[in-house]
Amino acid sequence: MKGIVLLGAPGAGKGTQAKLIAGRYSLPHISTGDILRSNIKEGTQLGRLAKSYIDEGKLVPDEVVVAIVRDRLAKPDCENGFLLDGFPRTTAQAEELDKFAQVTHAVDIEVDPAEVVKRIAGRRMCRCGESYHISSHSSPYCDKCGAELYQRDDDKEETVAKRLEVYAEQTAPLIGYYRDKGVLFGVNGMKSVDEVFAQIAEVLDGND
């Protein structure tokens, strides 16, 4: 059984790698953002509770997020393992996770902060759902529908810098937490998508 937690700063490529890992190892890719939205949409008890905090502009408390993750990991498709993306975010959440699930691999995708800023601040979006990066798409218009591209507020350089600050304060300590448990594995996230995935596969195949 593999219980995988993906770590890495915003823009490190966790979402991309999560899809590749889930496909290769037939694991459910569990994104806390997705299951939170799903619970809210379905109107579950936990979803309604989470929505009450979001509607007031507050962060969803740890106990609610933990309960939602615990509920998701109890589903039959998690019997042979899971891949968590976006949880835990703090050592307190990691300690709670340890009470109901076994993490066998904490994979940290390491990327220089300057590269993270370049990756995220260079994104451009289209209302039709397409996304581009200025490094490979110089036109201010969408190739698919011709509409003008825009930059999301949370992709702006100053916002990215703030997100990295929050990550360093809250989430980076998880690296030490999982290192102490002997399940931390760092990979070089500065390489291509395929090269990063090859490193992760080597870790997962060699540390059962």
C-alpha atoms as a PDB file:
ATOM      1  CA  MET A   1       0.000   0.000   0.000  1.00  0.00           C
ATOM      2  CA  LYS A   2       1.178   3.506  -0.828  1.00  0.00           C
ATOM      3  CA  GLY A   3       0.058   6.491   1.213  1.00  0.00           C
ATOM      4  CA  ILE A   4       1.529   9.473  -0.633  1.00  0.00           C
ATOM      5  CA  VAL A   5       1.587  13.126   0.370  1.00  0.00           C
ATOM      6  CA  LEU A   6       2.793  15.634  -2.241  1.00  0.00           C
ATOM      7  CA  LEU A   7       4.703  18.624  -0.900  1.00  0.00           C
ATOM      8  CA  GLY A   8       6.021  21.680  -2.715  1.00  0.00           C
ATOM      9  CA  ALA A   9       5.479  25.412  -3.003  1.00  0.00           C
ATOM     10  CA  PRO A  10       2.674  26.862  -5.150  1.00  0.00           C
ATOM     11  CA  GLY A  11       3.735  26.486  -8.763  1.00  0.00           C
ATOM     12  CA  ALA A  12       6.044  23.523  -8.098  1.00  0.00           C
ATOM     13  CA  GLY A  13       3.969  21.322 -10.400  1.00  0.00           C
ATOM     14  CA  LYS A  14       2.141  19.196  -7.823  1.00  0.00           C
ATOM     15  CA  GLY A  15      -1.100  19.032  -9.809  1.00  0.00           C
ATOM     16  CA  THR A  16       0.642  17.860 -12.987  1.00  0.00           C
ATOM     17  CA  GLN A  17       2.687  15.215 -11.170  1.00  0.00           C
ATOM     18  CA  ALA A  18      -0.315  14.055  -9.131  1.00  0.00           C
ATOM     19  CA  LYS A  19      -2.182  13.084 -12.319  1.00  0.00           C
ATOM     20  CA  LEU A  20       0.819  11.111 -13.592  1.00  0.00           C
ATOM     21  CA  ILE A  21       1.333   9.334 -10.245  1.00  0.00           C
ATOM     22  CA  ALA A  22      -2.368   8.486  -9.888  1.00  0.00           C
ATOM     23  CA  GLY A  23      -2.406   7.041 -13.399  1.00  0.00           C
ATOM     24  CA  ARG A  24       0.710   4.911 -13.041  1.00  0.00           C
ATOM     25  CA  TYR A  25      -0.085   3.502  -9.592  1.00  0.00           C
ATOM     26  CA  SER A  26      -3.911   3.390  -9.870  1.00  0.00           C
ATOM     27  CA  LEU A  27      -4.341   5.605  -6.805  1.00  0.00           C
ATOM     28  CA  PRO A  28      -7.170   8.065  -6.141  1.00  0.00           C
ATOM     29  CA  HIS A  29      -5.833  11.624  -6.503  1.00  0.00           C
ATOM     30  CA  ILE A  30      -7.333  13.467  -3.561  1.00  0.00           C
ATOM     31  CA  SER A  31      -7.177  17.238  -3.756  1.00  0.00           C
ATOM     32  CA  THR A  32      -8.539  18.884  -0.628  1.00  0.00           C
ATOM     33  CA  GLY A  33      -9.821  21.818  -2.685  1.00  0.00           C
ATOM     34  CA  ASP A  34     -11.781  19.421  -4.913  1.00  0.00           C
ATOM     35  CA  ILE A  35     -13.320  17.394  -2.086  1.00  0.00           C
ATOM     36  CA  LEU A  36     -14.195  20.568  -0.195  1.00  0.00           C
ATOM     37  CA  ARG A  37     -16.015  21.931  -3.263  1.00  0.00           C
ATOM     38  CA  SER A  38     -17.656  18.540  -3.834  1.00  0.00           C
ATOM     39  CA  ASN A  39     -18.988  18.400  -0.252  1.00  0.00           C
ATOM     40  CA  ILE A  40     -20.318  21.941  -0.559  1.00  0.00           C
ATOM     41  CA  LYS A  41     -21.974  21.176  -3.909  1.00  0.00           C
ATOM     42  CA  GLU A  42     -23.556  17.971  -2.573  1.00  0.00           C
ATOM     43  CA  GLY A  43     -24.751  19.782   0.558  1.00  0.00           C
ATOM     44  CA  THR A  44     -23.262  17.251   2.980  1.00  0.00           C
ATOM     45  CA  GLN A  45     -23.200  18.112   6.670  1.00  0.00           C
ATOM     46  CA  LEU A  46     -19.459  18.794   6.484  1.00  0.00           C
ATOM     47  CA  GLY A  47     -19.933  20.759   3.266  1.00  0.00           C
ATOM     48  CA  ARG A  48     -22.553  23.004   4.853  1.00  0.00           C
ATOM     49  CA  LEU A  49     -20.269  23.573   7.824  1.00  0.00           C
ATOM     50  CA  ALA A  50     -17.322  24.454   5.568  1.00  0.00           C
ATOM     51  CA  LYS A  51     -19.528  26.794   3.496  1.00  0.00           C
ATOM     52  CA  SER A  52     -20.609  28.677   6.601  1.00  0.00           C
ATOM     53  CA  TYR A  53     -16.973  29.658   7.228  1.00  0.00           C
ATOM     54  CA  ILE A  54     -16.231  30.452   3.575  1.00  0.00           C
ATOM     55  CA  ASP A  55     -19.343  32.652   3.317  1.00  0.00           C
ATOM     56  CA  GLU A  56     -18.027  34.715   6.231  1.00  0.00           C
ATOM     57  CA  GLY A  57     -14.634  35.061   4.538  1.00  0.00           C
ATOM     58  CA  LYS A  58     -12.945  32.846   7.138  1.00  0.00           C
ATOM     59  CA  LEU A  59     -10.552  29.948   6.692  1.00  0.00           C
ATOM     60  CA  VAL A  60     -12.140  26.521   7.108  1.00  0.00           C
ATOM     61  CA  PRO A  61     -10.886  25.275  10.518  1.00  0.00           C
ATOM     62  CA  ASP A  62      -8.517  22.317  10.748  1.00  0.00           C
ATOM     63  CA  GLU A  63     -11.089  20.059  12.394  1.00  0.00           C
ATOM     64  CA  VAL A  64     -13.510  20.487   9.465  1.00  0.00           C
ATOM     65  CA  VAL A  65     -10.822  19.918   6.789  1.00  0.00           C
ATOM     66  CA  VAL A  66      -9.490  16.892   8.705  1.00  0.00           C
ATOM     67  CA  ALA A  67     -13.007  15.437   9.005  1.00  0.00           C
ATOM     68  CA  ILE A  68     -13.571  15.850   5.249  1.00  0.00           C
ATOM     69  CA  VAL A  69     -10.246  14.109   4.461  1.00  0.00           C
ATOM     70  CA  ARG A  70     -10.980  11.313   6.976  1.00  0.00           C
ATOM     71  CA  ASP A  71     -14.369  10.757   5.344  1.00  0.00           C
ATOM     72  CA  ARG A  72     -12.781  10.641   1.856  1.00  0.00           C
ATOM     73  CA  LEU A  73     -10.025   8.196   2.879  1.00  0.00           C
ATOM     74  CA  ALA A  74     -12.678   5.844   4.299  1.00  0.00           C
ATOM     75  CA  LYS A  75     -14.096   5.312   0.789  1.00  0.00           C
ATOM     76  CA  PRO A  76     -13.487   1.881  -0.856  1.00  0.00           C
ATOM     77  CA  ASP A  77     -11.201   3.258  -3.594  1.00  0.00           C
ATOM     78  CA  CYS A  78      -8.622   4.185  -0.919  1.00  0.00           C
ATOM     79  CA  GLU A  79      -8.236   0.629   0.420  1.00  0.00           C
ATOM     80  CA  ASN A  80      -5.003   0.079  -1.518  1.00  0.00           C
ATOM     81  CA  GLY A  81      -3.567   3.545  -1.061  1.00  0.00           C
ATOM     82  CA  PHE A  82      -4.079   7.241  -1.750  1.00  0.00           C
ATOM     83  CA  LEU A  83      -2.396  10.353  -3.084  1.00  0.00           C
ATOM     84  CA  LEU A  84      -3.006  13.553  -1.130  1.00  0.00           C
ATOM     85  CA  ASP A  85      -2.475  16.909  -2.845  1.00  0.00           C
ATOM     86  CA  GLY A  86      -2.959  20.053  -0.750  1.00  0.00           C
ATOM     87  CA  PHE A  87      -3.231  18.256   2.586  1.00  0.00           C
ATOM     88  CA  PRO A  88      -1.752  18.339   5.142  1.00  0.00           C
ATOM     89  CA  ARG A  89      -0.808  22.034   5.056  1.00  0.00           C
ATOM     90  CA  THR A  90       0.498  22.243   8.629  1.00  0.00           C
ATOM     91  CA  THR A  91       2.192  19.932  11.124  1.00  0.00           C
ATOM     92  CA  ALA A  92      -1.001  19.997  13.218  1.00  0.00           C
ATOM     93  CA  GLN A  93      -2.933  18.581  10.237  1.00  0.00           C
ATOM     94  CA  ALA A  94      -0.155  16.006   9.651  1.00  0.00           C
ATOM     95  CA  GLU A  95      -0.444  14.819  13.252  1.00  0.00           C
ATOM     96  CA  GLU A  96      -4.210  14.402  12.833  1.00  0.00           C
ATOM     97  CA  LEU A  97      -3.731  12.536   9.528  1.00  0.00           C
ATOM     98  CA  ASP A  98      -1.410  10.066  11.285  1.00  0.00           C
ATOM     99  CA  LYS A  99      -4.311   9.051  13.532  1.00  0.00           C
ATOM    100  CA  PHE A 100      -6.351   7.546  10.684  1.00  0.00           C
ATOM    101  CA  ALA A 101      -3.977   6.959   7.729  1.00  0.00           C
ATOM    102  CA  GLN A 102      -0.430   5.787   7.104  1.00  0.00           C
ATOM    103  CA  VAL A 103       1.818   8.053   5.044  1.00  0.00           C
ATOM    104  CA  THR A 104       4.506   5.923   3.387  1.00  0.00           C
ATOM    105  CA  HIS A 105       5.974   8.614   1.100  1.00  0.00           C
ATOM    106  CA  ALA A 106       6.095  12.397   1.495  1.00  0.00           C
ATOM    107  CA  VAL A 107       7.423  13.583  -1.866  1.00  0.00           C
ATOM    108  CA  ASP A 108       8.791  17.132  -1.836  1.00  0.00           C
ATOM    109  CA  ILE A 109       9.030  18.768  -5.280  1.00  0.00           C
ATOM    110  CA  GLU A 110      11.869  21.255  -4.787  1.00  0.00           C
ATOM    111  CA  VAL A 111      11.812  24.439  -6.891  1.00  0.00           C
ATOM    112  CA  ASP A 112      13.716  27.722  -6.403  1.00  0.00           C
ATOM    113  CA  PRO A 113      11.409  30.551  -5.217  1.00  0.00           C
ATOM    114  CA  ALA A 114      12.511  32.768  -8.159  1.00  0.00           C
ATOM    115  CA  GLU A 115      11.434  30.021 -10.575  1.00  0.00           C
ATOM    116  CA  VAL A 116       8.071  29.701  -8.818  1.00  0.00           C
ATOM    117  CA  VAL A 117       7.435  33.434  -9.260  1.00  0.00           C
ATOM    118  CA  LYS A 118       8.412  33.208 -12.949  1.00  0.00           C
ATOM    119  CA  ARG A 119       6.137  30.199 -13.533  1.00  0.00           C
ATOM    120  CA  ILE A 120       3.055  31.604 -11.831  1.00  0.00           C
ATOM    121  CA  ALA A 121       3.385  35.288 -12.770  1.00  0.00           C
ATOM    122  CA  GLY A 122       3.805  34.254 -16.407  1.00  0.00           C
ATOM    123  CA  ARG A 123       0.446  32.471 -16.595  1.00  0.00           C
ATOM    124  CA  ARG A 124      -2.315  33.952 -18.720  1.00  0.00           C
ATOM    125  CA  MET A 125      -5.889  32.712 -18.740  1.00  0.00           C
ATOM    126  CA  CYS A 126      -8.813  32.841 -21.151  1.00  0.00           C
ATOM    127  CA  ARG A 127     -12.494  32.950 -20.187  1.00  0.00           C
ATOM    128  CA  CYS A 128     -13.010  29.812 -22.299  1.00  0.00           C
ATOM    129  CA  GLY A 129     -10.800  27.821 -19.907  1.00  0.00           C
ATOM    130  CA  GLU A 130      -7.566  27.715 -21.920  1.00  0.00           C
ATOM    131  CA  SER A 131      -4.342  28.708 -20.167  1.00  0.00           C
ATOM    132  CA  TYR A 132      -0.978  29.826 -21.525  1.00  0.00           C
ATOM    133  CA  HIS A 133       2.458  30.979 -20.390  1.00  0.00           C
ATOM    134  CA  ILE A 134       4.169  34.063 -21.757  1.00  0.00           C
ATOM    135  CA  SER A 135       7.409  32.094 -22.220  1.00  0.00           C
ATOM    136  CA  SER A 136       5.810  30.047 -25.004  1.00  0.00           C
ATOM    137  CA  HIS A 137       2.821  32.182 -26.033  1.00  0.00           C
ATOM    138  CA  SER A 138       3.603  35.807 -26.866  1.00  0.00           C
ATOM    139  CA  SER A 139       0.180  36.711 -28.281  1.00  0.00           C
ATOM    140  CA  PRO A 140      -2.253  38.487 -25.931  1.00  0.00           C
ATOM    141  CA  TYR A 141      -5.091  36.476 -27.489  1.00  0.00           C
ATOM    142  CA  CYS A 142      -6.381  32.918 -27.086  1.00  0.00           C
ATOM    143  CA  ASP A 143      -5.547  30.492 -29.902  1.00  0.00           C
ATOM    144  CA  LYS A 144      -8.809  28.641 -29.342  1.00  0.00           C
ATOM    145  CA  CYS A 145     -11.446  31.381 -29.275  1.00  0.00           C
ATOM    146  CA  GLY A 146      -9.554  34.590 -30.049  1.00  0.00           C
ATOM    147  CA  ALA A 147     -10.548  36.350 -26.821  1.00  0.00           C
ATOM    148  CA  GLU A 148      -8.086  38.548 -24.957  1.00  0.00           C
ATOM    149  CA  LEU A 149      -6.084  36.770 -22.251  1.00  0.00           C
ATOM    150  CA  TYR A 150      -5.898  38.017 -18.673  1.00  0.00           C
ATOM    151  CA  GLN A 151      -3.802  37.461 -15.541  1.00  0.00           C
ATOM    152  CA  ARG A 152      -5.579  36.189 -12.444  1.00  0.00           C
ATOM    153  CA  ASP A 153      -5.160  38.345  -9.327  1.00  0.00           C
ATOM    154  CA  ASP A 154      -3.581  35.484  -7.390  1.00  0.00           C
ATOM    155  CA  ASP A 155      -1.023  35.006 -10.188  1.00  0.00           C
ATOM    156  CA  LYS A 156       0.345  38.549  -9.871  1.00  0.00           C
ATOM    157  CA  GLU A 157       3.945  38.819  -8.693  1.00  0.00           C
ATOM    158  CA  GLU A 158       3.197  40.483  -5.351  1.00  0.00           C
ATOM    159  CA  THR A 159       0.478  37.914  -4.570  1.00  0.00           C
ATOM    160  CA  VAL A 160       2.782  35.014  -5.479  1.00  0.00           C
ATOM    161  CA  ALA A 161       5.445  36.417  -3.134  1.00  0.00           C
ATOM    162  CA  LYS A 162       2.849  36.493  -0.330  1.00  0.00           C
ATOM    163  CA  ARG A 163       1.747  32.909  -1.098  1.00  0.00           C
ATOM    164  CA  LEU A 164       5.379  31.784  -0.856  1.00  0.00           C
ATOM    165  CA  GLU A 165       5.689  33.565   2.485  1.00  0.00           C
ATOM    166  CA  VAL A 166       2.647  31.719   3.830  1.00  0.00           C
ATOM    167  CA  TYR A 167       4.019  28.426   2.460  1.00  0.00           C
ATOM    168  CA  ALA A 168       7.372  28.981   4.196  1.00  0.00           C
ATOM    169  CA  GLU A 169       5.675  29.770   7.505  1.00  0.00           C
ATOM    170  CA  GLN A 170       2.980  27.096   7.562  1.00  0.00           C
ATOM    171  CA  THR A 171       3.762  24.272   5.164  1.00  0.00           C
ATOM    172  CA  ALA A 172       7.562  24.102   4.911  1.00  0.00           C
ATOM    173  CA  PRO A 173       7.819  22.755   8.522  1.00  0.00           C
ATOM    174  CA  LEU A 174       6.104  19.601   7.183  1.00  0.00           C
ATOM    175  CA  ILE A 175       9.408  18.779   5.471  1.00  0.00           C
ATOM    176  CA  GLY A 176      11.075  18.457   8.865  1.00  0.00           C
ATOM    177  CA  TYR A 177       8.100  16.537  10.254  1.00  0.00           C
ATOM    178  CA  TYR A 178       8.224  13.870   7.544  1.00  0.00           C
ATOM    179  CA  ARG A 179      12.034  13.807   7.515  1.00  0.00           C
ATOM    180  CA  ASP A 180      11.955  12.884  11.210  1.00  0.00           C
ATOM    181  CA  LYS A 181       9.547  10.055  10.369  1.00  0.00           C
ATOM    182  CA  GLY A 182      11.915   8.753   7.663  1.00  0.00           C
ATOM    183  CA  VAL A 183       9.382   9.040   4.828  1.00  0.00           C
ATOM    184  CA  LEU A 184      10.550  12.273   3.139  1.00  0.00           C
ATOM    185  CA  PHE A 185      11.875  12.083  -0.423  1.00  0.00           C
ATOM    186  CA  GLY A 186      13.037  15.215  -2.259  1.00  0.00           C
ATOM    187  CA  VAL A 187      13.003  15.490  -6.061  1.00  0.00           C
ATOM    188  CA  ASN A 188      14.381  18.240  -8.304  1.00  0.00           C
ATOM    189  CA  GLY A 189      11.343  20.136  -9.588  1.00  0.00           C
ATOM    190  CA  MET A 190      13.452  22.385 -11.846  1.00  0.00           C
ATOM    191  CA  LYS A 191      13.627  19.679 -14.516  1.00  0.00           C
ATOM    192  CA  SER A 192      11.070  18.860 -17.223  1.00  0.00           C
ATOM    193  CA  VAL A 193       7.724  17.264 -16.318  1.00  0.00           C
ATOM    194  CA  ASP A 194       8.900  13.849 -17.571  1.00  0.00           C
ATOM    195  CA  GLU A 195      12.213  14.071 -15.695  1.00  0.00           C
ATOM    196  CA  VAL A 196      10.507  15.058 -12.450  1.00  0.00           C
ATOM    197  CA  PHE A 197       8.064  12.164 -12.827  1.00  0.00           C
ATOM    198  CA  ALA A 198      10.944   9.742 -13.494  1.00  0.00           C
ATOM    199  CA  GLN A 199      12.514  10.813 -10.187  1.00  0.00           C
ATOM    200  CA  ILE A 200       9.223  10.321  -8.341  1.00  0.00           C
ATOM    201  CA  ALA A 201       8.661   6.887  -9.924  1.00  0.00           C
ATOM    202  CA  GLU A 202      12.173   5.857  -8.859  1.00  0.00           C
ATOM    203  CA  VAL A 203      11.366   6.877  -5.276  1.00  0.00           C
ATOM    204  CA  LEU A 204       7.999   5.086  -5.229  1.00  0.00           C
ATOM    205  CA  ASP A 205       9.284   1.924  -6.928  1.00  0.00           C
ATOM    206  CA  GLY A 206      12.361   1.681  -4.747  1.00  0.00           C
ATOM    207  CA  ASN A 207      10.807   2.380  -1.350  1.00  0.00           C
ATOM    208  CA  ASP A 208       7.829   0.077  -0.930  1.00  0.00           C
END
